[in-house]
Amino acid sequence: MFYPACGLKGQFESGLAPYAPVRVFQGTADEEVSPHRCTELIEKCWALGGDITVTLYPNATHDFDDPGESRQSVQANADAKKDAVSRAIEFFATVLNPR
Protein backbone atom coordinates (compact mmCIF):
# COMPACT_ATOMS: atom_id res chain seq x y z
CA MET A 1 0.00 0.00 0.00
CA PHE A 2 1.32 3.40 -0.91
CA TYR A 3 0.48 6.16 1.59
CA PRO A 4 -2.75 4.57 2.91
CA ALA A 5 -5.45 6.42 4.78
CA CYS A 6 -4.86 4.76 8.14
CA GLY A 7 -7.45 6.74 10.09
CA LEU A 8 -10.59 5.99 8.08
CA LYS A 9 -12.78 7.94 10.48
CA GLY A 10 -11.98 5.70 13.44
CA GLN A 11 -12.75 2.40 11.71
CA PHE A 12 -9.57 0.71 12.98
CA GLU A 13 -9.05 2.25 16.42
CA SER A 14 -8.28 -1.17 17.89
CA GLY A 15 -6.29 -2.33 14.86
CA LEU A 16 -7.02 -5.05 12.37
CA ALA A 17 -5.61 -8.41 11.45
CA PRO A 18 -5.12 -8.51 7.68
CA TYR A 19 -5.86 -11.86 6.03
CA ALA A 20 -2.80 -11.51 3.78
CA PRO A 21 0.66 -9.98 4.12
CA VAL A 22 0.69 -6.20 3.76
CA ARG A 23 3.54 -3.82 3.00
CA VAL A 24 3.13 -0.07 3.50
CA PHE A 25 5.28 2.59 1.83
CA GLN A 26 4.95 6.18 3.00
CA GLY A 27 6.92 9.40 3.12
CA THR A 28 7.61 11.17 6.39
CA ALA A 29 6.65 14.50 4.77
CA ASP A 30 3.27 13.23 3.54
CA GLU A 31 0.93 16.23 3.47
CA GLU A 32 -2.29 14.20 3.33
CA VAL A 33 -1.80 11.01 5.34
CA SER A 34 -0.21 10.95 8.79
CA PRO A 35 2.84 8.68 8.95
CA HIS A 36 2.45 8.74 12.74
CA ARG A 37 -1.14 7.50 12.54
CA CYS A 38 -0.14 4.72 10.14
CA THR A 39 2.71 3.62 12.37
CA GLU A 40 0.33 3.47 15.34
CA LEU A 41 -2.16 1.38 13.35
CA ILE A 42 0.56 -0.99 12.19
CA GLU A 43 1.76 -1.50 15.76
CA LYS A 44 -1.81 -2.44 16.73
CA CYS A 45 -1.92 -4.87 13.80
CA TRP A 46 1.29 -6.50 15.02
CA ALA A 47 -0.33 -7.01 18.42
CA LEU A 48 -3.13 -8.89 16.63
CA GLY A 49 -0.62 -11.04 14.75
CA GLY A 50 -0.81 -9.21 11.43
CA ASP A 51 1.94 -9.70 8.84
CA ILE A 52 2.37 -6.04 8.04
CA THR A 53 5.41 -3.82 7.74
CA VAL A 54 5.99 -0.17 6.98
CA THR A 55 8.82 1.52 5.14
CA LEU A 56 9.03 5.24 5.86
CA TYR A 57 10.95 7.42 3.43
CA PRO A 58 12.56 10.50 5.01
CA ASN A 59 11.29 13.75 3.46
CA ALA A 60 9.20 12.03 0.77
CA THR A 61 5.77 13.56 0.20
CA HIS A 62 2.32 12.19 -0.53
CA ASP A 63 2.15 10.74 -4.02
CA PHE A 64 5.93 10.24 -4.10
CA ASP A 65 5.54 7.64 -6.86
CA ASP A 66 3.80 10.08 -9.24
CA PRO A 67 6.03 10.07 -12.33
CA GLY A 68 5.34 13.75 -13.04
CA GLU A 69 8.17 16.24 -12.83
CA SER A 70 6.66 18.20 -9.94
CA ARG A 71 6.90 15.17 -7.63
CA GLN A 72 10.02 13.58 -9.10
CA SER A 73 11.99 16.83 -8.93
CA VAL A 74 12.06 16.28 -5.15
CA GLN A 75 15.03 13.96 -4.63
CA ALA A 76 13.43 12.26 -1.63
CA ASN A 77 10.42 11.35 -3.81
CA ALA A 78 12.59 10.01 -6.62
CA ASP A 79 14.57 7.89 -4.15
CA ALA A 80 11.41 6.66 -2.44
CA LYS A 81 9.74 5.78 -5.73
CA LYS A 82 12.73 3.77 -6.90
CA ASP A 83 12.99 1.83 -3.65
CA ALA A 84 9.26 1.29 -3.10
CA VAL A 85 8.58 0.07 -6.62
CA SER A 86 11.48 -2.36 -6.35
CA ARG A 87 10.27 -3.64 -2.98
CA ALA A 88 6.67 -3.95 -4.20
CA ILE A 89 7.71 -6.00 -7.24
CA GLU A 90 9.85 -8.26 -5.06
CA PHE A 91 7.01 -8.65 -2.53
CA PHE A 92 4.43 -9.60 -5.15
CA ALA A 93 6.85 -11.99 -6.84
CA THR A 94 7.45 -13.73 -3.52
CA VAL A 95 3.82 -13.82 -2.38
CA LEU A 96 2.26 -14.74 -5.72
CA ASN A 97 4.91 -17.25 -6.75
CA PRO A 98 6.57 -18.57 -3.56
CA ARG A 99 8.70 -21.16 -5.38
PDB file of N, CA and C in Angstrom:
ATOM      1  N   MET A   1       0.844  -1.160   0.000  1.00  0.00           N
ATOM      2  CA  MET A   1       0.000   0.000   0.000  1.00  0.00           C
ATOM      3  C   MET A   1       0.894   1.229   0.000  1.00  0.00           C
ATOM      4  N   PHE A   2       0.574   2.150  -0.855  1.00  0.00           N
ATOM      5  CA  PHE A   2       1.320   3.396  -0.908  1.00  0.00           C
ATOM      6  C   PHE A   2       0.480   4.464  -0.207  1.00  0.00           C
ATOM      7  N   TYR A   3       1.074   5.087   0.797  1.00  0.00           N
ATOM      8  CA  TYR A   3       0.476   6.164   1.593  1.00  0.00           C
ATOM      9  C   TYR A   3      -1.018   5.945   1.874  1.00  0.00           C
ATOM     10  N   PRO A   4      -1.347   4.891   2.638  1.00  0.00           N
ATOM     11  CA  PRO A   4      -2.754   4.567   2.906  1.00  0.00           C
ATOM     12  C   PRO A   4      -3.395   5.523   3.902  1.00  0.00           C
ATOM     13  N   ALA A   5      -4.693   5.627   3.820  1.00  0.00           N
ATOM     14  CA  ALA A   5      -5.453   6.422   4.782  1.00  0.00           C
ATOM     15  C   ALA A   5      -5.687   5.562   6.020  1.00  0.00           C
ATOM     16  N   CYS A   6      -4.827   5.660   6.985  1.00  0.00           N
ATOM     17  CA  CYS A   6      -4.859   4.759   8.142  1.00  0.00           C
ATOM     18  C   CYS A   6      -5.909   5.138   9.181  1.00  0.00           C
ATOM     19  N   GLY A   7      -6.454   6.323   9.107  1.00  0.00           N
ATOM     20  CA  GLY A   7      -7.452   6.738  10.086  1.00  0.00           C
ATOM     21  C   GLY A   7      -8.834   6.204   9.765  1.00  0.00           C
ATOM     22  N   LEU A   8      -9.270   6.410   8.551  1.00  0.00           N
ATOM     23  CA  LEU A   8     -10.588   5.991   8.079  1.00  0.00           C
ATOM     24  C   LEU A   8     -11.697   6.256   9.084  1.00  0.00           C
ATOM     25  N   LYS A   9     -11.713   7.467   9.577  1.00  0.00           N
ATOM     26  CA  LYS A   9     -12.776   7.943  10.477  1.00  0.00           C
ATOM     27  C   LYS A   9     -12.992   7.013  11.666  1.00  0.00           C
ATOM     28  N   GLY A  10     -11.890   6.515  12.220  1.00  0.00           N
ATOM     29  CA  GLY A  10     -11.978   5.701  13.437  1.00  0.00           C
ATOM     30  C   GLY A  10     -12.344   4.245  13.219  1.00  0.00           C
ATOM     31  N   GLN A  11     -12.349   3.781  11.993  1.00  0.00           N
ATOM     32  CA  GLN A  11     -12.749   2.401  11.706  1.00  0.00           C
ATOM     33  C   GLN A  11     -11.809   1.354  12.313  1.00  0.00           C
ATOM     34  N   PHE A  12     -10.548   1.703  12.513  1.00  0.00           N
ATOM     35  CA  PHE A  12      -9.574   0.713  12.976  1.00  0.00           C
ATOM     36  C   PHE A  12      -8.892   1.146  14.267  1.00  0.00           C
ATOM     37  N   GLU A  13      -9.622   1.754  15.162  1.00  0.00           N
ATOM     38  CA  GLU A  13      -9.053   2.248  16.419  1.00  0.00           C
ATOM     39  C   GLU A  13      -8.368   1.141  17.213  1.00  0.00           C
ATOM     40  N   SER A  14      -8.898  -0.074  17.143  1.00  0.00           N
ATOM     41  CA  SER A  14      -8.285  -1.171  17.891  1.00  0.00           C
ATOM     42  C   SER A  14      -7.389  -2.035  17.012  1.00  0.00           C
ATOM     43  N   GLY A  15      -7.135  -1.590  15.784  1.00  0.00           N
ATOM     44  CA  GLY A  15      -6.285  -2.325  14.865  1.00  0.00           C
ATOM     45  C   GLY A  15      -7.096  -3.253  13.979  1.00  0.00           C
ATOM     46  N   LEU A  16      -6.389  -4.045  13.207  1.00  0.00           N
ATOM     47  CA  LEU A  16      -7.017  -5.047  12.367  1.00  0.00           C
ATOM     48  C   LEU A  16      -5.992  -6.127  12.088  1.00  0.00           C
ATOM     49  N   ALA A  17      -6.491  -7.299  11.778  1.00  0.00           N
ATOM     50  CA  ALA A  17      -5.606  -8.413  11.450  1.00  0.00           C
ATOM     51  C   ALA A  17      -5.821  -8.733   9.978  1.00  0.00           C
ATOM     52  N   PRO A  18      -4.939  -8.250   9.105  1.00  0.00           N
ATOM     53  CA  PRO A  18      -5.125  -8.509   7.682  1.00  0.00           C
ATOM     54  C   PRO A  18      -5.051 -10.004   7.381  1.00  0.00           C
ATOM     55  N   TYR A  19      -5.827 -10.435   6.397  1.00  0.00           N
ATOM     56  CA  TYR A  19      -5.861 -11.855   6.032  1.00  0.00           C
ATOM     57  C   TYR A  19      -4.710 -12.249   5.109  1.00  0.00           C
ATOM     58  N   ALA A  20      -3.949 -11.263   4.666  1.00  0.00           N
ATOM     59  CA  ALA A  20      -2.804 -11.514   3.783  1.00  0.00           C
ATOM     60  C   ALA A  20      -1.673 -10.577   4.203  1.00  0.00           C
ATOM     61  N   PRO A  21      -0.454 -10.884   3.805  1.00  0.00           N
ATOM     62  CA  PRO A  21       0.663  -9.983   4.122  1.00  0.00           C
ATOM     63  C   PRO A  21       0.442  -8.601   3.497  1.00  0.00           C
ATOM     64  N   VAL A  22       0.851  -7.574   4.225  1.00  0.00           N
ATOM     65  CA  VAL A  22       0.692  -6.195   3.763  1.00  0.00           C
ATOM     66  C   VAL A  22       2.013  -5.461   3.920  1.00  0.00           C
ATOM     67  N   ARG A  23       2.369  -4.683   2.923  1.00  0.00           N
ATOM     68  CA  ARG A  23       3.544  -3.816   2.998  1.00  0.00           C
ATOM     69  C   ARG A  23       3.097  -2.396   2.730  1.00  0.00           C
ATOM     70  N   VAL A  24       3.526  -1.479   3.587  1.00  0.00           N
ATOM     71  CA  VAL A  24       3.133  -0.075   3.497  1.00  0.00           C
ATOM     72  C   VAL A  24       4.365   0.757   3.169  1.00  0.00           C
ATOM     73  N   PHE A  25       4.210   1.681   2.231  1.00  0.00           N
ATOM     74  CA  PHE A  25       5.277   2.589   1.829  1.00  0.00           C
ATOM     75  C   PHE A  25       4.745   4.005   1.948  1.00  0.00           C
ATOM     76  N   GLN A  26       5.453   4.834   2.734  1.00  0.00           N
ATOM     77  CA  GLN A  26       4.954   6.183   2.997  1.00  0.00           C
ATOM     78  C   GLN A  26       6.108   7.132   3.271  1.00  0.00           C
ATOM     79  N   GLY A  27       5.925   8.373   2.859  1.00  0.00           N
ATOM     80  CA  GLY A  27       6.923   9.397   3.120  1.00  0.00           C
ATOM     81  C   GLY A  27       6.680  10.069   4.458  1.00  0.00           C
ATOM     82  N   THR A  28       7.752  10.486   5.099  1.00  0.00           N
ATOM     83  CA  THR A  28       7.607  11.172   6.389  1.00  0.00           C
ATOM     84  C   THR A  28       7.086  12.593   6.232  1.00  0.00           C
ATOM     85  N   ALA A  29       7.150  13.146   5.015  1.00  0.00           N
ATOM     86  CA  ALA A  29       6.650  14.496   4.767  1.00  0.00           C
ATOM     87  C   ALA A  29       5.303  14.462   4.045  1.00  0.00           C
ATOM     88  N   ASP A  30       4.581  13.363   4.184  1.00  0.00           N
ATOM     89  CA  ASP A  30       3.274  13.229   3.541  1.00  0.00           C
ATOM     90  C   ASP A  30       2.347  14.327   4.043  1.00  0.00           C
ATOM     91  N   GLU A  31       1.792  15.107   3.117  1.00  0.00           N
ATOM     92  CA  GLU A  31       0.933  16.233   3.473  1.00  0.00           C
ATOM     93  C   GLU A  31      -0.526  15.831   3.667  1.00  0.00           C
ATOM     94  N   GLU A  32      -0.890  14.610   3.284  1.00  0.00           N
ATOM     95  CA  GLU A  32      -2.288  14.199   3.327  1.00  0.00           C
ATOM     96  C   GLU A  32      -2.577  13.060   4.297  1.00  0.00           C
ATOM     97  N   VAL A  33      -1.606  12.185   4.494  1.00  0.00           N
ATOM     98  CA  VAL A  33      -1.799  11.014   5.344  1.00  0.00           C
ATOM     99  C   VAL A  33      -0.724  11.026   6.431  1.00  0.00           C
ATOM    100  N   SER A  34      -1.133  10.873   7.661  1.00  0.00           N
ATOM    101  CA  SER A  34      -0.209  10.950   8.787  1.00  0.00           C
ATOM    102  C   SER A  34       0.647   9.695   8.916  1.00  0.00           C
ATOM    103  N   PRO A  35       1.968   9.841   8.729  1.00  0.00           N
ATOM    104  CA  PRO A  35       2.839   8.680   8.949  1.00  0.00           C
ATOM    105  C   PRO A  35       2.758   8.186  10.394  1.00  0.00           C
ATOM    106  N   HIS A  36       2.573   9.113  11.323  1.00  0.00           N
ATOM    107  CA  HIS A  36       2.455   8.739  12.741  1.00  0.00           C
ATOM    108  C   HIS A  36       1.216   7.859  12.960  1.00  0.00           C
ATOM    109  N   ARG A  37       0.099   8.273  12.385  1.00  0.00           N
ATOM    110  CA  ARG A  37      -1.143   7.502  12.545  1.00  0.00           C
ATOM    111  C   ARG A  37      -0.978   6.110  11.927  1.00  0.00           C
ATOM    112  N   CYS A  38      -0.333   6.023  10.776  1.00  0.00           N
ATOM    113  CA  CYS A  38      -0.136   4.719  10.137  1.00  0.00           C
ATOM    114  C   CYS A  38       0.768   3.830  10.976  1.00  0.00           C
ATOM    115  N   THR A  39       1.814   4.395  11.519  1.00  0.00           N
ATOM    116  CA  THR A  39       2.713   3.616  12.366  1.00  0.00           C
ATOM    117  C   THR A  39       1.969   3.089  13.595  1.00  0.00           C
ATOM    118  N   GLU A  40       1.134   3.920  14.192  1.00  0.00           N
ATOM    119  CA  GLU A  40       0.334   3.470  15.342  1.00  0.00           C
ATOM    120  C   GLU A  40      -0.593   2.319  14.947  1.00  0.00           C
ATOM    121  N   LEU A  41      -1.260   2.443  13.804  1.00  0.00           N
ATOM    122  CA  LEU A  41      -2.155   1.382  13.352  1.00  0.00           C
ATOM    123  C   LEU A  41      -1.388   0.095  13.100  1.00  0.00           C
ATOM    124  N   ILE A  42      -0.232   0.199  12.484  1.00  0.00           N
ATOM    125  CA  ILE A  42       0.562  -0.991  12.185  1.00  0.00           C
ATOM    126  C   ILE A  42       1.019  -1.674  13.475  1.00  0.00           C
ATOM    127  N   GLU A  43       1.376  -0.902  14.474  1.00  0.00           N
ATOM    128  CA  GLU A  43       1.758  -1.496  15.762  1.00  0.00           C
ATOM    129  C   GLU A  43       0.582  -2.252  16.373  1.00  0.00           C
ATOM    130  N   LYS A  44      -0.622  -1.724  16.237  1.00  0.00           N
ATOM    131  CA  LYS A  44      -1.813  -2.438  16.732  1.00  0.00           C
ATOM    132  C   LYS A  44      -2.037  -3.717  15.937  1.00  0.00           C
ATOM    133  N   CYS A  45      -1.773  -3.675  14.640  1.00  0.00           N
ATOM    134  CA  CYS A  45      -1.920  -4.869  13.804  1.00  0.00           C
ATOM    135  C   CYS A  45      -0.937  -5.953  14.226  1.00  0.00           C
ATOM    136  N   TRP A  46       0.295  -5.535  14.543  1.00  0.00           N
ATOM    137  CA  TRP A  46       1.286  -6.501  15.023  1.00  0.00           C
ATOM    138  C   TRP A  46       0.784  -7.204  16.276  1.00  0.00           C
ATOM    139  N   ALA A  47       0.184  -6.437  17.178  1.00  0.00           N
ATOM    140  CA  ALA A  47      -0.329  -7.015  18.424  1.00  0.00           C
ATOM    141  C   ALA A  47      -1.404  -8.061  18.154  1.00  0.00           C
ATOM    142  N   LEU A  48      -2.093  -7.924  17.016  1.00  0.00           N
ATOM    143  CA  LEU A  48      -3.131  -8.885  16.629  1.00  0.00           C
ATOM    144  C   LEU A  48      -2.575  -9.994  15.732  1.00  0.00           C
ATOM    145  N   GLY A  49      -1.262  -9.991  15.536  1.00  0.00           N
ATOM    146  CA  GLY A  49      -0.623 -11.039  14.748  1.00  0.00           C
ATOM    147  C   GLY A  49      -0.566 -10.769  13.258  1.00  0.00           C
ATOM    148  N   GLY A  50      -0.812  -9.542  12.846  1.00  0.00           N
ATOM    149  CA  GLY A  50      -0.807  -9.210  11.427  1.00  0.00           C
ATOM    150  C   GLY A  50       0.582  -9.199  10.820  1.00  0.00           C
ATOM    151  N   ASP A  51       0.685  -9.729   9.601  1.00  0.00           N
ATOM    152  CA  ASP A  51       1.940  -9.704   8.843  1.00  0.00           C
ATOM    153  C   ASP A  51       1.933  -8.413   8.027  1.00  0.00           C
ATOM    154  N   ILE A  52       2.399  -7.361   8.660  1.00  0.00           N
ATOM    155  CA  ILE A  52       2.367  -6.040   8.038  1.00  0.00           C
ATOM    156  C   ILE A  52       3.640  -5.291   8.423  1.00  0.00           C
ATOM    157  N   THR A  53       4.229  -4.623   7.464  1.00  0.00           N
ATOM    158  CA  THR A  53       5.413  -3.819   7.745  1.00  0.00           C
ATOM    159  C   THR A  53       5.241  -2.455   7.081  1.00  0.00           C
ATOM    160  N   VAL A  54       6.021  -1.512   7.560  1.00  0.00           N
ATOM    161  CA  VAL A  54       5.988  -0.167   6.981  1.00  0.00           C
ATOM    162  C   VAL A  54       7.416   0.259   6.660  1.00  0.00           C
ATOM    163  N   THR A  55       7.561   0.894   5.519  1.00  0.00           N
ATOM    164  CA  THR A  55       8.818   1.521   5.142  1.00  0.00           C
ATOM    165  C   THR A  55       8.538   3.009   5.033  1.00  0.00           C
ATOM    166  N   LEU A  56       9.198   3.784   5.881  1.00  0.00           N
ATOM    167  CA  LEU A  56       9.031   5.241   5.860  1.00  0.00           C
ATOM    168  C   LEU A  56      10.222   5.866   5.146  1.00  0.00           C
ATOM    169  N   TYR A  57       9.921   6.746   4.219  1.00  0.00           N
ATOM    170  CA  TYR A  57      10.954   7.415   3.435  1.00  0.00           C
ATOM    171  C   TYR A  57      11.132   8.840   3.928  1.00  0.00           C
ATOM    172  N   PRO A  58      12.308   9.157   4.485  1.00  0.00           N
ATOM    173  CA  PRO A  58      12.558  10.502   5.005  1.00  0.00           C
ATOM    174  C   PRO A  58      12.356  11.573   3.927  1.00  0.00           C
ATOM    175  N   ASN A  59      11.557  12.568   4.280  1.00  0.00           N
ATOM    176  CA  ASN A  59      11.290  13.753   3.455  1.00  0.00           C
ATOM    177  C   ASN A  59      10.503  13.498   2.180  1.00  0.00           C
ATOM    178  N   ALA A  60      10.044  12.283   1.936  1.00  0.00           N
ATOM    179  CA  ALA A  60       9.202  12.027   0.767  1.00  0.00           C
ATOM    180  C   ALA A  60       7.781  12.489   1.074  1.00  0.00           C
ATOM    181  N   THR A  61       7.109  12.992   0.046  1.00  0.00           N
ATOM    182  CA  THR A  61       5.773  13.557   0.205  1.00  0.00           C
ATOM    183  C   THR A  61       4.693  12.564  -0.203  1.00  0.00           C
ATOM    184  N   HIS A  62       3.441  12.973  -0.030  1.00  0.00           N
ATOM    185  CA  HIS A  62       2.317  12.193  -0.526  1.00  0.00           C
ATOM    186  C   HIS A  62       2.461  12.087  -2.039  1.00  0.00           C
ATOM    187  N   ASP A  63       2.114  10.947  -2.567  1.00  0.00           N
ATOM    188  CA  ASP A  63       2.153  10.745  -4.017  1.00  0.00           C
ATOM    189  C   ASP A  63       3.587  10.704  -4.548  1.00  0.00           C
ATOM    190  N   PHE A  64       4.525  10.242  -3.710  1.00  0.00           N
ATOM    191  CA  PHE A  64       5.934  10.236  -4.103  1.00  0.00           C
ATOM    192  C   PHE A  64       6.213   9.404  -5.347  1.00  0.00           C
ATOM    193  N   ASP A  65       5.313   8.477  -5.688  1.00  0.00           N
ATOM    194  CA  ASP A  65       5.535   7.645  -6.863  1.00  0.00           C
ATOM    195  C   ASP A  65       4.949   8.233  -8.143  1.00  0.00           C
ATOM    196  N   ASP A  66       4.319   9.400  -8.045  1.00  0.00           N
ATOM    197  CA  ASP A  66       3.802  10.081  -9.235  1.00  0.00           C
ATOM    198  C   ASP A  66       4.983  10.352 -10.178  1.00  0.00           C
ATOM    199  N   PRO A  67       4.895   9.896 -11.427  1.00  0.00           N
ATOM    200  CA  PRO A  67       6.031  10.072 -12.334  1.00  0.00           C
ATOM    201  C   PRO A  67       6.203  11.500 -12.856  1.00  0.00           C
ATOM    202  N   GLY A  68       5.261  12.376 -12.558  1.00  0.00           N
ATOM    203  CA  GLY A  68       5.341  13.750 -13.039  1.00  0.00           C
ATOM    204  C   GLY A  68       6.536  14.499 -12.472  1.00  0.00           C
ATOM    205  N   GLU A  69       6.978  15.500 -13.217  1.00  0.00           N
ATOM    206  CA  GLU A  69       8.170  16.243 -12.829  1.00  0.00           C
ATOM    207  C   GLU A  69       8.015  16.955 -11.495  1.00  0.00           C
ATOM    208  N   SER A  70       6.813  17.447 -11.197  1.00  0.00           N
ATOM    209  CA  SER A  70       6.661  18.199  -9.939  1.00  0.00           C
ATOM    210  C   SER A  70       6.967  17.326  -8.722  1.00  0.00           C
ATOM    211  N   ARG A  71       6.590  16.073  -8.753  1.00  0.00           N
ATOM    212  CA  ARG A  71       6.904  15.170  -7.633  1.00  0.00           C
ATOM    213  C   ARG A  71       8.317  14.607  -7.747  1.00  0.00           C
ATOM    214  N   GLN A  72       8.720  14.221  -8.936  1.00  0.00           N
ATOM    215  CA  GLN A  72      10.018  13.580  -9.099  1.00  0.00           C
ATOM    216  C   GLN A  72      11.191  14.558  -9.041  1.00  0.00           C
ATOM    217  N   SER A  73      10.908  15.854  -9.087  1.00  0.00           N
ATOM    218  CA  SER A  73      11.992  16.833  -8.928  1.00  0.00           C
ATOM    219  C   SER A  73      12.448  16.927  -7.475  1.00  0.00           C
ATOM    220  N   VAL A  74      11.673  16.366  -6.563  1.00  0.00           N
ATOM    221  CA  VAL A  74      12.055  16.278  -5.154  1.00  0.00           C
ATOM    222  C   VAL A  74      12.873  14.992  -5.007  1.00  0.00           C
ATOM    223  N   GLN A  75      14.145  15.127  -4.673  1.00  0.00           N
ATOM    224  CA  GLN A  75      15.034  13.962  -4.634  1.00  0.00           C
ATOM    225  C   GLN A  75      14.525  12.868  -3.700  1.00  0.00           C
ATOM    226  N   ALA A  76      13.961  13.259  -2.572  1.00  0.00           N
ATOM    227  CA  ALA A  76      13.435  12.258  -1.629  1.00  0.00           C
ATOM    228  C   ALA A  76      12.324  11.444  -2.282  1.00  0.00           C
ATOM    229  N   ASN A  77      11.490  12.073  -3.107  1.00  0.00           N
ATOM    230  CA  ASN A  77      10.420  11.354  -3.809  1.00  0.00           C
ATOM    231  C   ASN A  77      11.001  10.393  -4.842  1.00  0.00           C
ATOM    232  N   ALA A  78      11.969  10.871  -5.607  1.00  0.00           N
ATOM    233  CA  ALA A  78      12.591  10.012  -6.622  1.00  0.00           C
ATOM    234  C   ALA A  78      13.241   8.791  -5.976  1.00  0.00           C
ATOM    235  N   ASP A  79      13.935   9.007  -4.873  1.00  0.00           N
ATOM    236  CA  ASP A  79      14.573   7.893  -4.154  1.00  0.00           C
ATOM    237  C   ASP A  79      13.526   6.929  -3.599  1.00  0.00           C
ATOM    238  N   ALA A  80      12.467   7.489  -3.012  1.00  0.00           N
ATOM    239  CA  ALA A  80      11.407   6.660  -2.435  1.00  0.00           C
ATOM    240  C   ALA A  80      10.707   5.847  -3.516  1.00  0.00           C
ATOM    241  N   LYS A  81      10.405   6.488  -4.635  1.00  0.00           N
ATOM    242  CA  LYS A  81       9.739   5.777  -5.734  1.00  0.00           C
ATOM    243  C   LYS A  81      10.575   4.597  -6.201  1.00  0.00           C
ATOM    244  N   LYS A  82      11.842   4.832  -6.419  1.00  0.00           N
ATOM    245  CA  LYS A  82      12.732   3.769  -6.902  1.00  0.00           C
ATOM    246  C   LYS A  82      12.754   2.595  -5.929  1.00  0.00           C
ATOM    247  N   ASP A  83      12.915   2.892  -4.649  1.00  0.00           N
ATOM    248  CA  ASP A  83      12.995   1.835  -3.646  1.00  0.00           C
ATOM    249  C   ASP A  83      11.657   1.126  -3.467  1.00  0.00           C
ATOM    250  N   ALA A  84      10.575   1.886  -3.364  1.00  0.00           N
ATOM    251  CA  ALA A  84       9.259   1.292  -3.101  1.00  0.00           C
ATOM    252  C   ALA A  84       8.790   0.417  -4.256  1.00  0.00           C
ATOM    253  N   VAL A  85       8.992   0.872  -5.473  1.00  0.00           N
ATOM    254  CA  VAL A  85       8.580   0.065  -6.621  1.00  0.00           C
ATOM    255  C   VAL A  85       9.372  -1.239  -6.649  1.00  0.00           C
ATOM    256  N   SER A  86      10.651  -1.162  -6.392  1.00  0.00           N
ATOM    257  CA  SER A  86      11.484  -2.357  -6.352  1.00  0.00           C
ATOM    258  C   SER A  86      11.007  -3.318  -5.266  1.00  0.00           C
ATOM    259  N   ARG A  87      10.737  -2.789  -4.094  1.00  0.00           N
ATOM    260  CA  ARG A  87      10.271  -3.639  -2.984  1.00  0.00           C
ATOM    261  C   ARG A  87       8.895  -4.240  -3.276  1.00  0.00           C
ATOM    262  N   ALA A  88       8.011  -3.453  -3.882  1.00  0.00           N
ATOM    263  CA  ALA A  88       6.669  -3.953  -4.201  1.00  0.00           C
ATOM    264  C   ALA A  88       6.748  -5.098  -5.210  1.00  0.00           C
ATOM    265  N   ILE A  89       7.562  -4.938  -6.234  1.00  0.00           N
ATOM    266  CA  ILE A  89       7.713  -5.997  -7.239  1.00  0.00           C
ATOM    267  C   ILE A  89       8.264  -7.265  -6.585  1.00  0.00           C
ATOM    268  N   GLU A  90       9.275  -7.108  -5.750  1.00  0.00           N
ATOM    269  CA  GLU A  90       9.851  -8.262  -5.056  1.00  0.00           C
ATOM    270  C   GLU A  90       8.816  -8.933  -4.151  1.00  0.00           C
ATOM    271  N   PHE A  91       8.045  -8.125  -3.423  1.00  0.00           N
ATOM    272  CA  PHE A  91       7.012  -8.646  -2.527  1.00  0.00           C
ATOM    273  C   PHE A  91       5.986  -9.461  -3.304  1.00  0.00           C
ATOM    274  N   PHE A  92       5.455  -8.887  -4.385  1.00  0.00           N
ATOM    275  CA  PHE A  92       4.434  -9.601  -5.154  1.00  0.00           C
ATOM    276  C   PHE A  92       5.003 -10.867  -5.792  1.00  0.00           C
ATOM    277  N   ALA A  93       6.227 -10.805  -6.271  1.00  0.00           N
ATOM    278  CA  ALA A  93       6.845 -11.994  -6.842  1.00  0.00           C
ATOM    279  C   ALA A  93       6.956 -13.106  -5.811  1.00  0.00           C
ATOM    280  N   THR A  94       7.298 -12.755  -4.598  1.00  0.00           N
ATOM    281  CA  THR A  94       7.447 -13.727  -3.525  1.00  0.00           C
ATOM    282  C   THR A  94       6.093 -14.276  -3.076  1.00  0.00           C
ATOM    283  N   VAL A  95       5.129 -13.408  -2.887  1.00  0.00           N
ATOM    284  CA  VAL A  95       3.820 -13.823  -2.378  1.00  0.00           C
ATOM    285  C   VAL A  95       3.012 -14.581  -3.438  1.00  0.00           C
ATOM    286  N   LEU A  96       3.072 -14.129  -4.679  1.00  0.00           N
ATOM    287  CA  LEU A  96       2.255 -14.741  -5.724  1.00  0.00           C
ATOM    288  C   LEU A  96       2.904 -15.977  -6.349  1.00  0.00           C
ATOM    289  N   ASN A  97       4.212 -16.104  -6.208  1.00  0.00           N
ATOM    290  CA  ASN A  97       4.915 -17.253  -6.750  1.00  0.00           C
ATOM    291  C   ASN A  97       6.003 -17.666  -5.757  1.00  0.00           C
ATOM    292  N   PRO A  98       5.619 -18.293  -4.643  1.00  0.00           N
ATOM    293  CA  PRO A  98       6.569 -18.568  -3.559  1.00  0.00           C
ATOM    294  C   PRO A  98       7.608 -19.628  -3.864  1.00  0.00           C
ATOM    295  N   ARG A  99       7.685 -20.137  -5.059  1.00  0.00           N
ATOM    296  CA  ARG A  99       8.700 -21.161  -5.384  1.00  0.00           C
ATOM    297  C   ARG A  99      10.028 -20.580  -5.439  1.00  0.00           C
TER     298      ARG A  99
END
